[in-house]
């Protein structure tokens, strides 16, 4: 009798009907404007700077070790200007711009105070600002003081390390 009762219960059991949600309309997203990024090639045809800046850029772009700043800019008539140009205008590969900025900090800090203040206070140069802030303790005291004071009034003030 028990098997007959179970058979009856199973036969009478109704499976709930799952209703599918109505199809949703897929709307294509508007394409966003992408900023123009300078992606230098192996030639100077589309290079926005001078031939000397291109040579420095190519040296800084190498993946086999970090070249010494003095070697990189040995043939440059305006080493500071060339390095600042690369740091500010050439985002790819990123190590080229950061190495150029590091050379500015280590070799030309006193002459580049205006650049360092601009990098530390511009909303568009957060990466350069972080690099500058990381070197504040090894920069000459006069340079470090001017940059720190300007940065504390800028958009990256929370990133400025305490002196000490």
Protein backbone atom coordinates (compact mmCIF):
# COMPACT_ATOMS: atom_id res chain seq x y z
CA UNK A 1 0.00 0.00 0.00
CA UNK A 2 2.84 2.37 0.77
CA UNK A 3 4.27 2.13 -2.76
CA UNK A 4 0.85 2.93 -4.23
CA UNK A 5 0.57 6.02 -1.99
CA UNK A 6 4.03 7.27 -3.04
CA UNK A 7 3.22 6.70 -6.68
CA UNK A 8 0.04 8.73 -6.29
CA UNK A 9 1.87 11.58 -4.56
CA UNK A 10 4.52 11.70 -7.23
CA UNK A 11 1.99 11.61 -10.04
CA UNK A 12 -0.04 14.45 -8.55
CA UNK A 13 2.94 16.67 -7.79
CA UNK A 14 3.00 19.72 -10.05
CA UNK A 15 6.24 21.33 -11.11
CA UNK A 16 6.08 25.10 -10.63
CA UNK A 17 6.09 27.06 -13.86
CA UNK A 18 8.96 29.53 -14.07
CA UNK A 19 8.10 32.55 -16.08
CA UNK A 20 10.90 34.06 -18.09
CA UNK A 21 11.37 37.78 -17.69
CA UNK A 22 10.49 39.84 -20.73
CA UNK A 23 13.44 40.48 -23.01
CA UNK A 24 15.28 43.68 -22.26
CA UNK A 25 16.24 46.09 -24.94
CA UNK A 26 19.98 46.31 -25.46
CA UNK A 27 21.12 49.84 -26.11
CA UNK A 28 24.54 50.37 -27.63
CA UNK A 29 26.74 52.67 -25.59
CA UNK A 30 27.90 55.87 -27.15
CA UNK A 31 31.56 55.58 -28.08
CA UNK A 32 33.70 57.70 -25.81
CA UNK A 33 36.30 59.97 -27.23
CA UNK A 34 39.70 58.60 -26.49
CA UNK A 35 42.51 61.04 -25.91
CA UNK A 36 45.20 61.21 -28.51
CA UNK A 37 48.28 59.42 -27.26
CA UNK A 38 51.61 59.85 -28.93
CA UNK A 39 52.95 56.39 -29.66
CA UNK A 40 56.33 56.87 -31.23
CA UNK A 41 57.60 54.31 -33.67
CA UNK A 42 61.12 53.37 -34.63
CA UNK A 43 61.38 56.35 -36.97
CA UNK A 44 61.28 60.10 -36.49
CA UNK A 45 58.54 60.51 -39.12
CA UNK A 46 55.75 61.02 -36.58
CA UNK A 47 57.90 62.18 -33.67
CA UNK A 48 56.62 65.47 -32.20
CA UNK A 49 60.01 66.63 -30.91
CA UNK A 50 63.56 67.03 -32.11
CA UNK A 51 65.88 64.32 -33.37
CA UNK A 52 67.93 64.62 -30.17
CA UNK A 53 64.81 64.11 -28.04
CA UNK A 54 63.99 61.04 -30.14
CA UNK A 55 67.46 59.62 -29.49
CA UNK A 56 67.05 60.17 -25.74
CA UNK A 57 63.56 58.65 -25.85
CA UNK A 58 64.85 55.53 -27.64
CA UNK A 59 67.62 55.11 -25.07
CA UNK A 60 65.17 55.48 -22.17
CA UNK A 61 62.78 53.00 -23.80
CA UNK A 62 65.25 50.13 -23.81
CA UNK A 63 64.30 47.21 -21.62
CA UNK A 64 67.84 46.09 -20.89
CA UNK A 65 68.76 48.02 -17.78
CA UNK A 66 68.46 51.61 -16.74
CA UNK A 67 70.93 53.93 -18.49
CA UNK A 68 72.78 56.59 -16.54
CA UNK A 69 71.34 60.07 -17.00
CA UNK A 70 74.69 61.59 -17.93
CA UNK A 71 75.13 59.00 -20.69
CA UNK A 72 71.59 59.50 -22.00
CA UNK A 73 71.99 63.25 -22.39
CA UNK A 74 75.70 63.39 -23.25
CA UNK A 75 75.08 64.71 -26.80
CA UNK A 76 72.19 67.01 -25.92
CA UNK A 77 72.58 70.78 -26.22
CA UNK A 78 69.59 71.23 -23.86
CA UNK A 79 69.49 68.17 -21.62
CA UNK A 80 66.94 69.63 -19.20
CA UNK A 81 64.57 70.75 -21.97
CA UNK A 82 64.83 67.40 -23.75
CA UNK A 83 64.16 65.42 -20.58
CA UNK A 84 61.21 67.60 -19.57
CA UNK A 85 59.74 67.26 -23.07
CA UNK A 86 59.87 63.46 -22.86
CA UNK A 87 58.54 63.35 -19.29
CA UNK A 88 55.57 65.60 -20.10
CA UNK A 89 54.67 64.58 -23.64
CA UNK A 90 55.53 60.94 -24.28
CA UNK A 91 53.36 58.55 -22.23
CA UNK A 92 54.38 55.31 -23.92
CA UNK A 93 56.29 53.37 -22.89
CA UNK A 94 55.77 54.70 -19.39
CA UNK A 95 59.29 53.96 -18.24
CA UNK A 96 60.69 56.46 -20.76
CA UNK A 97 58.82 59.41 -19.25
CA UNK A 98 59.46 58.34 -15.67
CA UNK A 99 63.17 57.77 -16.32
CA UNK A 100 63.38 61.18 -17.99
CA UNK A 101 61.67 62.78 -14.99
CA UNK A 102 63.99 60.91 -12.65
CA UNK A 103 66.97 62.33 -14.57
CA UNK A 104 65.49 65.82 -14.17
CA UNK A 105 65.26 65.23 -10.42
CA UNK A 106 68.70 63.74 -9.98
CA UNK A 107 70.73 65.90 -12.39
CA UNK A 108 68.85 69.20 -12.85
CA UNK A 109 66.72 69.80 -9.74
CA UNK A 110 67.86 73.37 -9.08
CA UNK A 111 67.32 74.45 -12.69
CA UNK A 112 63.99 72.60 -12.92
CA UNK A 113 62.20 74.03 -9.88
CA UNK A 114 59.38 75.47 -12.04
CA UNK A 115 58.88 72.09 -13.72
CA UNK A 116 58.87 70.25 -10.39
CA UNK A 117 56.32 72.67 -8.94
CA UNK A 118 54.13 72.27 -12.05
CA UNK A 119 54.34 68.46 -11.86
CA UNK A 120 53.47 68.60 -8.15
CA UNK A 121 50.48 70.90 -8.53
CA UNK A 122 48.84 69.94 -11.81
CA UNK A 123 45.86 67.55 -11.66
CA UNK A 124 47.05 65.94 -14.92
CA UNK A 125 50.48 64.92 -13.62
CA UNK A 126 49.72 62.66 -10.66
CA UNK A 127 52.38 60.13 -11.68
CA UNK A 128 55.07 62.77 -11.97
CA UNK A 129 53.90 64.28 -8.67
CA UNK A 130 54.31 60.91 -6.93
CA UNK A 131 57.82 60.61 -8.35
CA UNK A 132 58.73 64.11 -7.13
CA UNK A 133 57.27 63.46 -3.67
CA UNK A 134 59.28 60.27 -3.40
CA UNK A 135 62.49 62.25 -3.98
CA UNK A 136 61.78 65.26 -1.73
CA UNK A 137 64.15 63.98 0.96
CA UNK A 138 67.12 63.75 -1.44
CA UNK A 139 66.52 67.00 -3.35
CA UNK A 140 68.47 70.11 -2.32
CA UNK A 141 66.77 71.70 0.69
CA UNK A 142 65.83 74.92 -1.16
CA UNK A 143 64.20 72.95 -4.00
CA UNK A 144 62.47 70.55 -1.64
CA UNK A 145 61.02 73.39 0.43
CA UNK A 146 59.63 75.28 -2.57
CA UNK A 147 58.11 72.13 -4.11
CA UNK A 148 56.64 70.90 -0.82
CA UNK A 149 54.99 74.25 -0.04
CA UNK A 150 53.46 74.48 -3.50
CA UNK A 151 52.32 70.85 -3.45
CA UNK A 152 50.57 71.24 -0.11
CA UNK A 153 48.28 73.81 -1.73
CA UNK A 154 47.64 71.64 -4.81
CA UNK A 155 45.44 68.69 -5.77
CA UNK A 156 47.97 66.09 -4.59
CA UNK A 157 48.41 67.54 -1.09
CA UNK A 158 47.36 64.27 0.56
CA UNK A 159 50.30 62.52 -1.14
CA UNK A 160 52.99 64.91 0.12
CA UNK A 161 55.06 63.14 2.75
CA UNK A 162 55.81 64.78 6.07
CA UNK A 163 59.32 66.19 6.26
CA UNK A 164 61.55 64.25 8.48
